[in-house]
Amino acid sequence: MATDVEIWMLFAPFWLLGMFAALGALWHFVQFLNVHGKAHAAGQVPRKYEFGAPVRPHETTAQGHHHFTRAKTALLLFVAFIALGVAAGVLWTLWRG
């Protein structure tokens, strides 16, 4: 098998897991915005979420906090999987010379 193909086969599982984590993060962020918008409209939270503003746990509902926490976790997993895939590819390249 060619060296380039071997490297991509090492990287592919991490890339796929990273893409699923990114999709999960996107889904949870959209759900958070939906839940938080409905809670704001109902008067349950003090302010509407503004992009870039810190999200404080006491300013969200339990469901909004759940989605926001899951979104942050999935985003960190995305970064970690992509970094692991790149590291695996680099280490394989250096080891195989």
Protein backbone atom coordinates (compact mmCIF):
# COMPACT_ATOMS: atom_id res chain seq x y z
CA MET A 1 0.00 0.00 0.00
CA ALA A 2 1.29 3.47 -0.80
CA THR A 3 2.51 5.61 2.05
CA ASP A 4 0.00 8.38 1.29
CA VAL A 5 -2.91 5.95 1.44
CA GLU A 6 -1.66 4.51 4.74
CA ILE A 7 -1.47 7.99 6.24
CA TRP A 8 -4.99 8.86 5.12
CA MET A 9 -6.30 5.56 6.48
CA LEU A 10 -4.79 6.46 9.85
CA PHE A 11 -6.30 9.93 9.72
CA ALA A 12 -9.77 8.91 8.43
CA PRO A 13 -11.25 7.46 11.67
CA PHE A 14 -10.31 10.58 13.62
CA TRP A 15 -11.63 12.79 10.84
CA LEU A 16 -14.95 10.92 10.76
CA LEU A 17 -15.34 11.07 14.54
CA GLY A 18 -14.43 14.74 14.44
CA MET A 19 -17.06 15.45 11.78
CA PHE A 20 -19.74 13.68 13.83
CA ALA A 21 -18.67 15.70 16.89
CA ALA A 22 -18.91 18.90 14.83
CA LEU A 23 -22.40 17.96 13.65
CA GLY A 24 -23.38 17.22 17.26
CA ALA A 25 -22.01 20.58 18.39
CA LEU A 26 -23.93 22.38 15.64
CA TRP A 27 -27.15 20.56 16.52
CA HIS A 28 -26.82 21.36 20.24
CA PHE A 29 -25.99 25.02 19.55
CA VAL A 30 -29.09 25.34 17.36
CA GLN A 31 -31.19 23.62 20.04
CA PHE A 32 -29.75 25.95 22.68
CA LEU A 33 -30.66 29.02 20.62
CA ASN A 34 -34.16 27.61 20.06
CA VAL A 35 -34.76 26.78 23.74
CA HIS A 36 -33.26 30.05 24.96
CA GLY A 37 -35.31 32.08 22.48
CA LYS A 38 -38.53 30.41 23.61
CA ALA A 39 -37.63 30.92 27.28
CA HIS A 40 -36.88 34.59 26.61
CA ALA A 41 -40.19 35.03 24.81
CA ALA A 42 -41.98 33.46 27.78
CA GLY A 43 -40.16 35.77 30.19
CA GLN A 44 -38.26 32.99 31.96
CA VAL A 45 -34.77 34.34 31.26
CA PRO A 46 -33.68 37.95 31.79
CA ARG A 47 -32.04 38.72 28.44
CA LYS A 48 -31.93 37.47 24.91
CA TYR A 49 -28.74 35.61 24.02
CA GLU A 50 -26.27 37.79 22.14
CA PHE A 51 -23.52 36.23 20.06
CA GLY A 52 -20.18 36.64 21.86
CA ALA A 53 -21.75 37.40 25.23
CA PRO A 54 -20.92 35.01 28.06
CA VAL A 55 -23.66 32.54 28.91
CA ARG A 56 -24.20 32.41 32.66
CA PRO A 57 -25.91 29.30 34.08
CA HIS A 58 -28.39 31.35 36.14
CA GLU A 59 -29.54 33.11 32.96
CA THR A 60 -30.55 29.90 31.17
CA THR A 61 -33.15 27.24 31.72
CA ALA A 62 -32.10 23.73 32.69
CA GLN A 63 -32.72 22.51 29.13
CA GLY A 64 -30.77 25.44 27.67
CA HIS A 65 -27.87 24.78 30.03
CA HIS A 66 -27.93 21.10 29.03
CA HIS A 67 -27.71 21.89 25.31
CA PHE A 68 -25.04 24.55 25.77
CA THR A 69 -22.87 22.21 27.87
CA ARG A 70 -23.24 19.40 25.33
CA ALA A 71 -22.40 21.79 22.48
CA LYS A 72 -19.20 22.93 24.21
CA THR A 73 -18.21 19.33 24.93
CA ALA A 74 -18.83 18.26 21.32
CA LEU A 75 -16.81 21.22 20.04
CA LEU A 76 -13.88 20.27 22.26
CA LEU A 77 -14.16 16.66 21.07
CA PHE A 78 -14.07 17.87 17.47
CA VAL A 79 -10.83 19.76 18.09
CA ALA A 80 -9.33 16.81 19.98
CA PHE A 81 -10.19 14.25 17.28
CA ILE A 82 -8.82 16.40 14.50
CA ALA A 83 -5.62 17.03 16.50
CA LEU A 84 -5.24 13.29 17.20
CA GLY A 85 -5.70 12.50 13.52
CA VAL A 86 -3.08 15.03 12.46
CA ALA A 87 -0.70 13.76 15.16
CA ALA A 88 -1.23 10.15 14.03
CA GLY A 89 -0.49 11.11 10.43
CA VAL A 90 2.63 13.08 11.35
CA LEU A 91 3.96 10.38 13.67
CA TRP A 92 3.34 7.67 11.06
CA THR A 93 5.12 9.73 8.44
CA LEU A 94 8.10 10.33 10.71
CA TRP A 95 8.23 6.72 11.88
CA ARG A 96 8.00 5.21 8.39
CA GLY A 97 10.51 7.77 7.11
